[in-house]
């Protein structure tokens, strides 16, 4: 049941998009170079795409767009 609520929450919540390509798919990286797919809420919060994943150990100061070469802080994203 918790998984269904999380999916509904994702569908309802507005997301921030890339200022370059206007897509809302991002990832963050950790010190080992591992990528974690995320999206950014309209409040600027970084949220893992997989509800069971943790942001612990990942650099949350820089997000990378999955669709183009843009990278930057979540504050530079635009509202959808």
C-alpha atoms as a PDB file:
ATOM      1  CA  UNK A   1       0.000   0.000   0.000  1.00  0.00           C
ATOM      2  CA  UNK A   2       2.858   2.405   0.849  1.00  0.00           C
ATOM      3  CA  UNK A   3       4.249   1.995  -2.663  1.00  0.00           C
ATOM      4  CA  UNK A   4       0.948   3.014  -4.238  1.00  0.00           C
ATOM      5  CA  UNK A   5       0.778   6.121  -2.095  1.00  0.00           C
ATOM      6  CA  UNK A   6       4.318   7.065  -3.124  1.00  0.00           C
ATOM      7  CA  UNK A   7       3.450   6.658  -6.817  1.00  0.00           C
ATOM      8  CA  UNK A   8       0.318   8.802  -6.398  1.00  0.00           C
ATOM      9  CA  UNK A   9       2.390  11.417  -4.582  1.00  0.00           C
ATOM     10  CA  UNK A  10       4.837  11.496  -7.518  1.00  0.00           C
ATOM     11  CA  UNK A  11       2.010  11.978 -10.015  1.00  0.00           C
ATOM     12  CA  UNK A  12       0.415  14.817  -8.046  1.00  0.00           C
ATOM     13  CA  UNK A  13       3.563  16.704  -7.091  1.00  0.00           C
ATOM     14  CA  UNK A  14       4.877  19.299  -9.489  1.00  0.00           C
ATOM     15  CA  UNK A  15       8.490  18.894 -10.540  1.00  0.00           C
ATOM     16  CA  UNK A  16      11.269  21.241 -11.528  1.00  0.00           C
ATOM     17  CA  UNK A  17      12.722  20.902 -15.022  1.00  0.00           C
ATOM     18  CA  UNK A  18      16.066  21.491 -16.697  1.00  0.00           C
ATOM     19  CA  UNK A  19      16.523  25.123 -17.769  1.00  0.00           C
ATOM     20  CA  UNK A  20      18.174  23.937 -21.004  1.00  0.00           C
ATOM     21  CA  UNK A  21      15.987  21.080 -22.332  1.00  0.00           C
ATOM     22  CA  UNK A  22      12.874  21.377 -20.074  1.00  0.00           C
ATOM     23  CA  UNK A  23      12.978  17.701 -18.985  1.00  0.00           C
ATOM     24  CA  UNK A  24      12.506  16.713 -15.321  1.00  0.00           C
ATOM     25  CA  UNK A  25      14.834  13.690 -15.190  1.00  0.00           C
ATOM     26  CA  UNK A  26      18.038  14.117 -13.167  1.00  0.00           C
ATOM     27  CA  UNK A  27      20.652  12.151 -11.273  1.00  0.00           C
ATOM     28  CA  UNK A  28      23.036  12.817  -8.397  1.00  0.00           C
ATOM     29  CA  UNK A  29      26.436  11.207  -7.927  1.00  0.00           C
ATOM     30  CA  UNK A  30      28.407   9.882  -4.972  1.00  0.00           C
ATOM     31  CA  UNK A  31      32.178   9.794  -4.416  1.00  0.00           C
ATOM     32  CA  UNK A  32      32.502   6.464  -6.263  1.00  0.00           C
ATOM     33  CA  UNK A  33      30.823   7.875  -9.379  1.00  0.00           C
ATOM     34  CA  UNK A  34      27.585   5.942  -8.873  1.00  0.00           C
ATOM     35  CA  UNK A  35      24.459   7.638 -10.204  1.00  0.00           C
ATOM     36  CA  UNK A  36      21.090   7.810  -8.458  1.00  0.00           C
ATOM     37  CA  UNK A  37      18.077   8.859 -10.581  1.00  0.00           C
ATOM     38  CA  UNK A  38      16.122  11.658  -8.910  1.00  0.00           C
ATOM     39  CA  UNK A  39      13.602  14.375  -9.578  1.00  0.00           C
ATOM     40  CA  UNK A  40      13.352  17.772  -7.934  1.00  0.00           C
ATOM     41  CA  UNK A  41      10.097  18.846  -6.289  1.00  0.00           C
ATOM     42  CA  UNK A  42       8.666  22.310  -6.848  1.00  0.00           C
ATOM     43  CA  UNK A  43      10.022  23.161  -3.394  1.00  0.00           C
ATOM     44  CA  UNK A  44      13.567  22.293  -4.497  1.00  0.00           C
ATOM     45  CA  UNK A  45      13.770  18.972  -2.622  1.00  0.00           C
ATOM     46  CA  UNK A  46      15.771  16.173  -4.229  1.00  0.00           C
ATOM     47  CA  UNK A  47      13.671  12.995  -4.272  1.00  0.00           C
ATOM     48  CA  UNK A  48      14.943   9.561  -5.405  1.00  0.00           C
ATOM     49  CA  UNK A  49      12.886   8.058  -8.250  1.00  0.00           C
ATOM     50  CA  UNK A  50      12.931   4.746  -6.378  1.00  0.00           C
ATOM     51  CA  UNK A  51      11.134   5.362  -3.089  1.00  0.00           C
ATOM     52  CA  UNK A  52      13.313   2.809  -1.281  1.00  0.00           C
ATOM     53  CA  UNK A  53      16.623   4.514  -2.198  1.00  0.00           C
ATOM     54  CA  UNK A  54      18.489   6.848   0.127  1.00  0.00           C
ATOM     55  CA  UNK A  55      20.345  10.051  -0.717  1.00  0.00           C
ATOM     56  CA  UNK A  56      22.936   9.286   1.943  1.00  0.00           C
ATOM     57  CA  UNK A  57      26.448   9.617   0.525  1.00  0.00           C
ATOM     58  CA  UNK A  58      25.300  11.437  -2.629  1.00  0.00           C
ATOM     59  CA  UNK A  59      26.299  15.000  -3.476  1.00  0.00           C
ATOM     60  CA  UNK A  60      23.094  17.028  -3.321  1.00  0.00           C
ATOM     61  CA  UNK A  61      24.707  20.319  -4.333  1.00  0.00           C
ATOM     62  CA  UNK A  62      24.915  19.339  -8.013  1.00  0.00           C
ATOM     63  CA  UNK A  63      22.253  17.645 -10.107  1.00  0.00           C
ATOM     64  CA  UNK A  64      22.830  16.351 -13.638  1.00  0.00           C
ATOM     65  CA  UNK A  65      20.200  16.291 -16.381  1.00  0.00           C
ATOM     66  CA  UNK A  66      19.639  12.835 -17.876  1.00  0.00           C
ATOM     67  CA  UNK A  67      18.666  14.256 -21.276  1.00  0.00           C
ATOM     68  CA  UNK A  68      21.278  16.902 -22.040  1.00  0.00           C
ATOM     69  CA  UNK A  69      24.646  18.150 -20.802  1.00  0.00           C
ATOM     70  CA  UNK A  70      23.279  20.563 -18.181  1.00  0.00           C
ATOM     71  CA  UNK A  71      24.411  20.338 -14.553  1.00  0.00           C
ATOM     72  CA  UNK A  72      24.034  22.739 -11.667  1.00  0.00           C
ATOM     73  CA  UNK A  73      22.336  23.407  -8.365  1.00  0.00           C
ATOM     74  CA  UNK A  74      18.662  22.592  -7.857  1.00  0.00           C
ATOM     75  CA  UNK A  75      18.063  26.338  -7.373  1.00  0.00           C
ATOM     76  CA  UNK A  76      18.822  26.941 -11.063  1.00  0.00           C
ATOM     77  CA  UNK A  77      15.994  24.680 -12.256  1.00  0.00           C
ATOM     78  CA  UNK A  78      12.729  26.108 -13.573  1.00  0.00           C
ATOM     79  CA  UNK A  79       9.156  25.243 -12.624  1.00  0.00           C
ATOM     80  CA  UNK A  80       7.168  23.051 -14.982  1.00  0.00           C
END
